[in-house]
Amino acid sequence: MKNSRHCDLDDDVAGDGMKRPTKFALRHVQSLVICLLTLCALSFAQEVDVPSGRGSGSVVAPTGWAELIAPVQQRIDLKFYGFSIGELKAPSAQFDATFRATKFLSLTPSYLYYSVPADGLNELTKHSRGFNRTVEEQQFRIDGTVMFLVHKFEISERNMYVRRFLPTYTYVGRSLPAKEINRYRNRIAVTYPLAVGGHIWRPFASYEAFYDQGSGWTKNRAWTGVTVPIEKHVSFQPSYMWESTNGIKDLHYLMFGLIFKMPSR
């Protein structure tokens, strides 16, 4: 568990055996992800904060994303994430800087920006006219992740502090002021390296709980998937995430990610 998104790249068992994959397979995986990034019909940012929604039921949200990992030193990686949320035009972007302090401990300051259109928020809260404009949020975060091995299982615990910057917006006819609040996140995760056809696949599962200042425990998230290498520096990650947040509908994310890792210097 080398980063927060389970998307580390690992060399295959056969070493150089993956240096020349079929261009046909790579081209088709890239096309699949591009289609998901541009044509997903119903998907929402994963950090939505609704003050008094009455949402019930659930929403299925196909989601595409891409990540670029850029090693700058032996123990430092820069990571850039981009999410394009289809026809709802709800973009999200994230930047991480991961510092591996020891073999078992990493520290990661990060920044997240997202925006969600009014139509998407109204669908989540079951208010036809609850929101009348796009809601944006910025977050500054820092986390510490401890990882240890049990046989071949990689087990990790991540503790994250988040400073949330919420703008002024109107909800159900009420004007809500801009505010800054603190959030705590705790995640337990497990990954198992699995040899498949001479390559290393990395199935994973995790559970995460969210605590918001003034509101208590507001969100739970369970995530499972697998990271599949398709080239020496490119991996594909299909996954499923269930998310339950107070006041809005449950979300079932069908996620497809493409991860690029630049060669180490």
C-alpha atoms as a PDB file:
ATOM      1  CA  MET A   1       0.000   0.000   0.000  1.00  0.00           C
ATOM      2  CA  LYS A   2       2.337   2.674  -1.208  1.00  0.00           C
ATOM      3  CA  ASN A   3      -0.119   5.475  -1.836  1.00  0.00           C
ATOM      4  CA  SER A   4      -3.623   6.563  -1.001  1.00  0.00           C
ATOM      5  CA  ARG A   5      -5.231   5.299  -4.197  1.00  0.00           C
ATOM      6  CA  HIS A   6      -3.872   1.740  -4.362  1.00  0.00           C
ATOM      7  CA  CYS A   7      -2.417   2.538  -7.756  1.00  0.00           C
ATOM      8  CA  ASP A   8       1.326   1.984  -7.338  1.00  0.00           C
ATOM      9  CA  LEU A   9       3.020   0.362 -10.275  1.00  0.00           C
ATOM     10  CA  ASP A  10       5.123  -2.719  -9.769  1.00  0.00           C
ATOM     11  CA  ASP A  11       7.519  -4.394 -12.156  1.00  0.00           C
ATOM     12  CA  ASP A  12       6.234  -7.707 -13.456  1.00  0.00           C
ATOM     13  CA  VAL A  13       7.600 -11.022 -12.242  1.00  0.00           C
ATOM     14  CA  ALA A  14       9.404 -11.609 -15.517  1.00  0.00           C
ATOM     15  CA  GLY A  15      11.295  -8.298 -15.363  1.00  0.00           C
ATOM     16  CA  ASP A  16      11.663  -7.079 -18.937  1.00  0.00           C
ATOM     17  CA  GLY A  17       8.795  -9.251 -20.099  1.00  0.00           C
ATOM     18  CA  MET A  18       6.421  -6.288 -20.024  1.00  0.00           C
ATOM     19  CA  LYS A  19       8.547  -3.834 -21.957  1.00  0.00           C
ATOM     20  CA  ARG A  20       6.872  -4.755 -25.232  1.00  0.00           C
ATOM     21  CA  PRO A  21       3.136  -5.295 -24.658  1.00  0.00           C
ATOM     22  CA  THR A  22       0.802  -5.274 -27.604  1.00  0.00           C
ATOM     23  CA  LYS A  23       0.033  -1.761 -28.741  1.00  0.00           C
ATOM     24  CA  PHE A  24      -3.434  -3.002 -29.661  1.00  0.00           C
ATOM     25  CA  ALA A  25      -4.349  -3.739 -26.031  1.00  0.00           C
ATOM     26  CA  LEU A  26      -2.914  -0.469 -24.725  1.00  0.00           C
ATOM     27  CA  ARG A  27      -4.686   1.570 -27.388  1.00  0.00           C
ATOM     28  CA  HIS A  28      -8.040  -0.024 -26.578  1.00  0.00           C
ATOM     29  CA  VAL A  29      -7.679   0.440 -22.812  1.00  0.00           C
ATOM     30  CA  GLN A  30      -6.819   4.096 -23.347  1.00  0.00           C
ATOM     31  CA  SER A  31      -9.843   4.490 -25.621  1.00  0.00           C
ATOM     32  CA  LEU A  32     -12.065   2.918 -22.963  1.00  0.00           C
ATOM     33  CA  VAL A  33     -10.882   5.321 -20.287  1.00  0.00           C
ATOM     34  CA  ILE A  34     -11.230   8.358 -22.571  1.00  0.00           C
ATOM     35  CA  CYS A  35     -14.811   7.342 -23.344  1.00  0.00           C
ATOM     36  CA  LEU A  36     -15.580   6.960 -19.657  1.00  0.00           C
ATOM     37  CA  LEU A  37     -14.047  10.325 -18.897  1.00  0.00           C
ATOM     38  CA  THR A  38     -16.152  12.091 -21.511  1.00  0.00           C
ATOM     39  CA  LEU A  39     -19.418  10.165 -21.672  1.00  0.00           C
ATOM     40  CA  CYS A  40     -20.263   9.125 -18.105  1.00  0.00           C
ATOM     41  CA  ALA A  41     -23.906  10.042 -17.742  1.00  0.00           C
ATOM     42  CA  LEU A  42     -24.305  10.298 -13.978  1.00  0.00           C
ATOM     43  CA  SER A  43     -21.410  10.850 -11.603  1.00  0.00           C
ATOM     44  CA  PHE A  44     -20.633  13.190  -8.733  1.00  0.00           C
ATOM     45  CA  ALA A  45     -17.592  14.462  -6.861  1.00  0.00           C
ATOM     46  CA  GLN A  46     -16.772  12.302  -3.864  1.00  0.00           C
ATOM     47  CA  GLU A  47     -16.539  15.077  -1.287  1.00  0.00           C
ATOM     48  CA  VAL A  48     -20.049  16.571  -1.546  1.00  0.00           C
ATOM     49  CA  ASP A  49     -21.173  18.360   1.629  1.00  0.00           C
ATOM     50  CA  VAL A  50     -24.952  18.937   1.870  1.00  0.00           C
ATOM     51  CA  PRO A  51     -26.184  20.770   5.015  1.00  0.00           C
ATOM     52  CA  SER A  52     -29.698  19.302   5.353  1.00  0.00           C
ATOM     53  CA  GLY A  53     -30.526  17.005   2.490  1.00  0.00           C
ATOM     54  CA  ARG A  54     -33.312  14.474   2.602  1.00  0.00           C
ATOM     55  CA  GLY A  55     -31.781  12.051   0.135  1.00  0.00           C
ATOM     56  CA  SER A  56     -32.634   8.365   0.322  1.00  0.00           C
ATOM     57  CA  GLY A  57     -32.059   5.477  -2.049  1.00  0.00           C
ATOM     58  CA  SER A  58     -28.941   5.262  -4.174  1.00  0.00           C
ATOM     59  CA  VAL A  59     -27.241   6.480  -7.334  1.00  0.00           C
ATOM     60  CA  VAL A  60     -24.975   4.480  -9.663  1.00  0.00           C
ATOM     61  CA  ALA A  61     -22.098   6.692 -10.776  1.00  0.00           C
ATOM     62  CA  PRO A  62     -19.708   5.543 -13.529  1.00  0.00           C
ATOM     63  CA  THR A  63     -16.471   7.463 -12.986  1.00  0.00           C
ATOM     64  CA  GLY A  64     -13.255   7.799 -14.973  1.00  0.00           C
ATOM     65  CA  TRP A  65      -9.977   9.234 -13.744  1.00  0.00           C
ATOM     66  CA  ALA A  66      -6.285   9.451 -14.612  1.00  0.00           C
ATOM     67  CA  GLU A  67      -3.137   9.788 -12.519  1.00  0.00           C
ATOM     68  CA  LEU A  68       0.442  10.801 -13.275  1.00  0.00           C
ATOM     69  CA  ILE A  69       3.190   9.782 -10.833  1.00  0.00           C
ATOM     70  CA  ALA A  70       6.481  11.668 -11.128  1.00  0.00           C
ATOM     71  CA  PRO A  71       9.360  10.457  -8.904  1.00  0.00           C
ATOM     72  CA  VAL A  72      11.643  13.382  -8.089  1.00  0.00           C
ATOM     73  CA  GLN A  73      13.939  11.679  -5.582  1.00  0.00           C
ATOM     74  CA  GLN A  74      14.343   8.200  -4.161  1.00  0.00           C
ATOM     75  CA  ARG A  75      11.853   8.928  -1.385  1.00  0.00           C
ATOM     76  CA  ILE A  76       9.685  11.657  -2.942  1.00  0.00           C
ATOM     77  CA  ASP A  77       6.911  11.309  -5.525  1.00  0.00           C
ATOM     78  CA  LEU A  78       4.672  13.989  -7.011  1.00  0.00           C
ATOM     79  CA  LYS A  79       1.206  12.831  -8.071  1.00  0.00           C
ATOM     80  CA  PHE A  80      -1.379  14.578 -10.221  1.00  0.00           C
ATOM     81  CA  TYR A  81      -4.986  13.354 -10.502  1.00  0.00           C
ATOM     82  CA  GLY A  82      -7.707  14.478 -12.881  1.00  0.00           C
ATOM     83  CA  PHE A  83     -11.424  13.590 -12.913  1.00  0.00           C
ATOM     84  CA  SER A  84     -13.788  14.561 -15.695  1.00  0.00           C
ATOM     85  CA  ILE A  85     -17.352  13.884 -14.603  1.00  0.00           C
ATOM     86  CA  GLY A  86     -19.062  13.501 -17.955  1.00  0.00           C
ATOM     87  CA  GLU A  87     -22.164  15.383 -19.071  1.00  0.00           C
ATOM     88  CA  LEU A  88     -22.667  16.946 -15.627  1.00  0.00           C
ATOM     89  CA  LYS A  89     -19.410  18.854 -16.127  1.00  0.00           C
ATOM     90  CA  ALA A  90     -18.218  18.315 -12.552  1.00  0.00           C
ATOM     91  CA  PRO A  91     -14.414  18.505 -12.692  1.00  0.00           C
ATOM     92  CA  SER A  92     -12.051  17.560  -9.888  1.00  0.00           C
ATOM     93  CA  ALA A  93      -8.280  17.878  -9.611  1.00  0.00           C
ATOM     94  CA  GLN A  94      -5.811  16.802  -6.944  1.00  0.00           C
ATOM     95  CA  PHE A  95      -2.076  17.211  -6.299  1.00  0.00           C
ATOM     96  CA  ASP A  96      -0.067  15.098  -3.824  1.00  0.00           C
ATOM     97  CA  ALA A  97       3.541  15.128  -2.673  1.00  0.00           C
ATOM     98  CA  THR A  98       4.446  11.856  -0.950  1.00  0.00           C
ATOM     99  CA  PHE A  99       7.497  11.670   1.316  1.00  0.00           C
ATOM    100  CA  ARG A 100       8.567   8.188   2.427  1.00  0.00           C
ATOM    101  CA  ALA A 101      10.042   8.922   5.858  1.00  0.00           C
ATOM    102  CA  THR A 102      10.867   5.266   6.586  1.00  0.00           C
ATOM    103  CA  LYS A 103      10.160   1.886   5.020  1.00  0.00           C
ATOM    104  CA  PHE A 104       6.829   1.731   6.842  1.00  0.00           C
ATOM    105  CA  LEU A 105       5.798   5.409   7.134  1.00  0.00           C
ATOM    106  CA  SER A 106       4.901   7.982   4.477  1.00  0.00           C
ATOM    107  CA  LEU A 107       3.682  11.588   4.817  1.00  0.00           C
ATOM    108  CA  THR A 108       1.572  13.252   2.120  1.00  0.00           C
ATOM    109  CA  PRO A 109       0.485  16.890   1.955  1.00  0.00           C
ATOM    110  CA  SER A 110      -2.109  17.406  -0.800  1.00  0.00           C
ATOM    111  CA  TYR A 111      -4.564  19.831  -2.388  1.00  0.00           C
ATOM    112  CA  LEU A 112      -8.026  19.038  -3.826  1.00  0.00           C
ATOM    113  CA  TYR A 113     -10.424  21.162  -5.865  1.00  0.00           C
ATOM    114  CA  TYR A 114     -13.858  20.096  -7.064  1.00  0.00           C
ATOM    115  CA  SER A 115     -17.103  21.615  -8.292  1.00  0.00           C
ATOM    116  CA  VAL A 116     -20.559  20.044  -8.627  1.00  0.00           C
ATOM    117  CA  PRO A 117     -23.396  21.571 -10.695  1.00  0.00           C
ATOM    118  CA  ALA A 118     -26.729  22.394  -9.066  1.00  0.00           C
ATOM    119  CA  ASP A 119     -28.537  19.634 -10.989  1.00  0.00           C
ATOM    120  CA  GLY A 120     -26.199  16.988  -9.593  1.00  0.00           C
ATOM    121  CA  LEU A 121     -26.588  18.202  -6.017  1.00  0.00           C
ATOM    122  CA  ASN A 122     -30.365  18.344  -6.334  1.00  0.00           C
ATOM    123  CA  GLU A 123     -30.417  14.743  -7.550  1.00  0.00           C
ATOM    124  CA  LEU A 124     -28.392  13.637  -4.531  1.00  0.00           C
ATOM    125  CA  THR A 125     -30.576  15.482  -2.009  1.00  0.00           C
ATOM    126  CA  LYS A 126     -33.965  14.843  -3.692  1.00  0.00           C
ATOM    127  CA  HIS A 127     -34.664  18.582  -3.757  1.00  0.00           C
ATOM    128  CA  SER A 128     -35.799  19.645  -7.220  1.00  0.00           C
ATOM    129  CA  ARG A 129     -34.707  23.235  -6.552  1.00  0.00           C
ATOM    130  CA  GLY A 130     -32.521  22.936  -3.475  1.00  0.00           C
ATOM    131  CA  PHE A 131     -29.432  24.351  -5.182  1.00  0.00           C
ATOM    132  CA  ASN A 132     -29.456  27.023  -7.850  1.00  0.00           C
ATOM    133  CA  ARG A 133     -25.787  27.195  -8.802  1.00  0.00           C
ATOM    134  CA  THR A 134     -22.567  25.173  -8.885  1.00  0.00           C
ATOM    135  CA  VAL A 135     -20.924  24.500  -5.529  1.00  0.00           C
ATOM    136  CA  GLU A 136     -17.119  24.519  -5.360  1.00  0.00           C
ATOM    137  CA  GLU A 137     -14.772  23.452  -2.595  1.00  0.00           C
ATOM    138  CA  GLN A 138     -11.045  23.550  -1.951  1.00  0.00           C
ATOM    139  CA  GLN A 139      -9.247  21.325   0.527  1.00  0.00           C
ATOM    140  CA  PHE A 140      -5.757  21.319   1.975  1.00  0.00           C
ATOM    141  CA  ARG A 141      -4.864  17.949   3.511  1.00  0.00           C
ATOM    142  CA  ILE A 142      -1.996  16.139   5.155  1.00  0.00           C
ATOM    143  CA  ASP A 143      -1.883  12.469   6.039  1.00  0.00           C
ATOM    144  CA  GLY A 144       0.382   9.878   7.573  1.00  0.00           C
ATOM    145  CA  THR A 145       0.227   6.262   6.372  1.00  0.00           C
ATOM    146  CA  VAL A 146       1.716   3.298   8.202  1.00  0.00           C
ATOM    147  CA  MET A 147       2.190   0.106   6.188  1.00  0.00           C
ATOM    148  CA  PHE A 148       3.280  -3.351   7.343  1.00  0.00           C
ATOM    149  CA  LEU A 149       3.391  -6.865   5.895  1.00  0.00           C
ATOM    150  CA  VAL A 150       1.632  -9.991   7.140  1.00  0.00           C
ATOM    151  CA  HIS A 151       2.944 -12.793   4.968  1.00  0.00           C
ATOM    152  CA  LYS A 152       2.258 -11.292   1.504  1.00  0.00           C
ATOM    153  CA  PHE A 153      -0.609  -9.086   2.600  1.00  0.00           C
ATOM    154  CA  GLU A 154       0.208  -5.357   2.645  1.00  0.00           C
ATOM    155  CA  ILE A 155      -1.850  -3.752   5.402  1.00  0.00           C
ATOM    156  CA  SER A 156      -1.976   0.001   5.911  1.00  0.00           C
ATOM    157  CA  GLU A 157      -3.655   2.587   8.089  1.00  0.00           C
ATOM    158  CA  ARG A 158      -3.988   6.179   6.936  1.00  0.00           C
ATOM    159  CA  ASN A 159      -4.896   9.114   9.188  1.00  0.00           C
ATOM    160  CA  MET A 160      -5.703  12.355   7.368  1.00  0.00           C
ATOM    161  CA  TYR A 161      -6.385  15.909   8.510  1.00  0.00           C
ATOM    162  CA  VAL A 162      -8.376  18.057   6.067  1.00  0.00           C
ATOM    163  CA  ARG A 163      -9.025  21.800   6.091  1.00  0.00           C
ATOM    164  CA  ARG A 164     -12.162  22.423   4.028  1.00  0.00           C
ATOM    165  CA  PHE A 165     -12.925  25.814   2.447  1.00  0.00           C
ATOM    166  CA  LEU A 166     -16.647  26.022   1.658  1.00  0.00           C
ATOM    167  CA  PRO A 167     -18.025  28.976  -0.339  1.00  0.00           C
ATOM    168  CA  THR A 168     -21.203  30.985   0.105  1.00  0.00           C
ATOM    169  CA  TYR A 169     -24.148  29.303  -1.657  1.00  0.00           C
ATOM    170  CA  THR A 170     -27.940  29.132  -1.616  1.00  0.00           C
ATOM    171  CA  TYR A 171     -29.753  25.978  -0.495  1.00  0.00           C
ATOM    172  CA  VAL A 172     -33.583  25.627  -0.353  1.00  0.00           C
ATOM    173  CA  GLY A 173     -33.922  29.415  -0.513  1.00  0.00           C
ATOM    174  CA  ARG A 174     -31.457  30.040   2.328  1.00  0.00           C
ATOM    175  CA  SER A 175     -28.132  31.792   1.859  1.00  0.00           C
ATOM    176  CA  LEU A 176     -25.398  29.847   3.639  1.00  0.00           C
ATOM    177  CA  PRO A 177     -22.196  31.749   4.502  1.00  0.00           C
ATOM    178  CA  ALA A 178     -18.709  30.731   3.501  1.00  0.00           C
ATOM    179  CA  LYS A 179     -16.935  28.731   6.179  1.00  0.00           C
ATOM    180  CA  GLU A 180     -13.848  26.719   6.991  1.00  0.00           C
ATOM    181  CA  ILE A 181     -14.157  23.423   8.829  1.00  0.00           C
ATOM    182  CA  ASN A 182     -11.871  20.585   9.845  1.00  0.00           C
ATOM    183  CA  ARG A 183     -12.287  16.985   8.785  1.00  0.00           C
ATOM    184  CA  TYR A 184     -10.613  13.785   9.996  1.00  0.00           C
ATOM    185  CA  ARG A 185     -10.409  10.656   7.855  1.00  0.00           C
ATOM    186  CA  ASN A 186      -9.275   7.189   8.902  1.00  0.00           C
ATOM    187  CA  ARG A 187      -8.746   4.378   6.402  1.00  0.00           C
ATOM    188  CA  ILE A 188      -7.737   0.735   6.807  1.00  0.00           C
ATOM    189  CA  ALA A 189      -6.656  -1.037   3.625  1.00  0.00           C
ATOM    190  CA  VAL A 190      -5.196  -4.338   2.464  1.00  0.00           C
ATOM    191  CA  THR A 191      -3.469  -5.246  -0.809  1.00  0.00           C
ATOM    192  CA  TYR A 192      -2.273  -8.643  -2.024  1.00  0.00           C
ATOM    193  CA  PRO A 193       0.231  -8.999  -4.904  1.00  0.00           C
ATOM    194  CA  LEU A 194      -0.997 -11.752  -7.198  1.00  0.00           C
ATOM    195  CA  ALA A 195       1.010 -13.326 -10.025  1.00  0.00           C
ATOM    196  CA  VAL A 196      -1.140 -13.623 -13.159  1.00  0.00           C
ATOM    197  CA  GLY A 197       0.386 -14.708 -16.451  1.00  0.00           C
ATOM    198  CA  GLY A 198       3.873 -13.680 -15.359  1.00  0.00           C
ATOM    199  CA  HIS A 199       2.753 -10.217 -14.220  1.00  0.00           C
ATOM    200  CA  ILE A 200       1.790  -8.767 -10.828  1.00  0.00           C
ATOM    201  CA  TRP A 201      -1.865  -7.853 -10.309  1.00  0.00           C
ATOM    202  CA  ARG A 202      -2.744  -6.010  -7.102  1.00  0.00           C
ATOM    203  CA  PRO A 203      -6.275  -6.611  -5.782  1.00  0.00           C
ATOM    204  CA  PHE A 204      -7.152  -4.322  -2.849  1.00  0.00           C
ATOM    205  CA  ALA A 205      -9.921  -3.510  -0.397  1.00  0.00           C
ATOM    206  CA  SER A 206     -10.351  -0.646   2.068  1.00  0.00           C
ATOM    207  CA  TYR A 207     -12.774   0.927   4.543  1.00  0.00           C
ATOM    208  CA  GLU A 208     -12.751   4.615   5.486  1.00  0.00           C
ATOM    209  CA  ALA A 209     -14.676   6.752   7.982  1.00  0.00           C
ATOM    210  CA  PHE A 210     -15.023  10.578   7.924  1.00  0.00           C
ATOM    211  CA  TYR A 211     -15.488  12.898  10.910  1.00  0.00           C
ATOM    212  CA  ASP A 212     -16.501  16.523  10.297  1.00  0.00           C
ATOM    213  CA  GLN A 213     -16.116  19.312  12.847  1.00  0.00           C
ATOM    214  CA  GLY A 214     -19.512  20.145  14.318  1.00  0.00           C
ATOM    215  CA  SER A 215     -21.288  17.242  12.603  1.00  0.00           C
ATOM    216  CA  GLY A 216     -19.575  14.098  13.891  1.00  0.00           C
ATOM    217  CA  TRP A 217     -19.136  10.933  11.808  1.00  0.00           C
ATOM    218  CA  THR A 218     -20.767  11.883   8.506  1.00  0.00           C
ATOM    219  CA  LYS A 219     -19.519   9.479   5.858  1.00  0.00           C
ATOM    220  CA  ASN A 220     -18.441   5.855   5.341  1.00  0.00           C
ATOM    221  CA  ARG A 221     -16.717   4.426   2.314  1.00  0.00           C
ATOM    222  CA  ALA A 222     -15.820   0.892   1.210  1.00  0.00           C
ATOM    223  CA  TRP A 223     -13.659   0.351  -1.875  1.00  0.00           C
ATOM    224  CA  THR A 224     -12.396  -2.715  -3.736  1.00  0.00           C
ATOM    225  CA  GLY A 225     -10.681  -3.249  -7.060  1.00  0.00           C
ATOM    226  CA  VAL A 226      -7.520  -4.419  -8.781  1.00  0.00           C
ATOM    227  CA  THR A 227      -4.526  -2.669 -10.341  1.00  0.00           C
ATOM    228  CA  VAL A 228      -3.444  -4.367 -13.572  1.00  0.00           C
ATOM    229  CA  PRO A 229      -0.140  -3.503 -15.317  1.00  0.00           C
ATOM    230  CA  ILE A 230      -0.528  -3.067 -19.064  1.00  0.00           C
ATOM    231  CA  GLU A 231       2.923  -1.641 -19.757  1.00  0.00           C
ATOM    232  CA  LYS A 232       6.061  -1.068 -17.722  1.00  0.00           C
ATOM    233  CA  HIS A 233       4.938   2.417 -16.711  1.00  0.00           C
ATOM    234  CA  VAL A 234       1.183   2.191 -17.292  1.00  0.00           C
ATOM    235  CA  SER A 235      -1.515   0.452 -15.236  1.00  0.00           C
ATOM    236  CA  PHE A 236      -5.284   0.120 -15.474  1.00  0.00           C
ATOM    237  CA  GLN A 237      -7.457   0.068 -12.346  1.00  0.00           C
ATOM    238  CA  PRO A 238     -11.130  -0.991 -12.426  1.00  0.00           C
ATOM    239  CA  SER A 239     -12.832  -0.729  -9.022  1.00  0.00           C
ATOM    240  CA  TYR A 240     -16.111  -0.414  -7.157  1.00  0.00           C
ATOM    241  CA  MET A 241     -16.787   2.007  -4.304  1.00  0.00           C
ATOM    242  CA  TRP A 242     -19.806   2.246  -2.001  1.00  0.00           C
ATOM    243  CA  GLU A 243     -20.235   5.541  -0.163  1.00  0.00           C
ATOM    244  CA  SER A 244     -22.824   6.541   2.442  1.00  0.00           C
ATOM    245  CA  THR A 245     -23.083  10.193   3.513  1.00  0.00           C
ATOM    246  CA  ASN A 246     -25.552  11.735   5.976  1.00  0.00           C
ATOM    247  CA  GLY A 247     -28.324  13.626   4.193  1.00  0.00           C
ATOM    248  CA  ILE A 248     -27.771  12.417   0.614  1.00  0.00           C
ATOM    249  CA  LYS A 249     -28.294   9.269  -1.400  1.00  0.00           C
ATOM    250  CA  ASP A 250     -25.827   6.401  -1.212  1.00  0.00           C
ATOM    251  CA  LEU A 251     -23.400   6.344  -4.121  1.00  0.00           C
ATOM    252  CA  HIS A 252     -22.225   3.268  -6.014  1.00  0.00           C
ATOM    253  CA  TYR A 253     -19.158   4.259  -8.007  1.00  0.00           C
ATOM    254  CA  LEU A 254     -18.058   2.132 -10.958  1.00  0.00           C
ATOM    255  CA  MET A 255     -14.537   3.470 -11.350  1.00  0.00           C
ATOM    256  CA  PHE A 256     -12.004   3.087 -14.146  1.00  0.00           C
ATOM    257  CA  GLY A 257      -8.550   4.604 -13.759  1.00  0.00           C
ATOM    258  CA  LEU A 258      -5.483   4.898 -15.952  1.00  0.00           C
ATOM    259  CA  ILE A 259      -2.193   5.384 -14.087  1.00  0.00           C
ATOM    260  CA  PHE A 260       1.041   6.616 -15.656  1.00  0.00           C
ATOM    261  CA  LYS A 261       4.342   6.451 -13.789  1.00  0.00           C
ATOM    262  CA  MET A 262       7.318   8.313 -15.150  1.00  0.00           C
ATOM    263  CA  PRO A 263      10.697   6.518 -15.013  1.00  0.00           C
ATOM    264  CA  SER A 264      12.802   7.224 -11.939  1.00  0.00           C
ATOM    265  CA  ARG A 265      15.728   9.531 -12.435  1.00  0.00           C
END
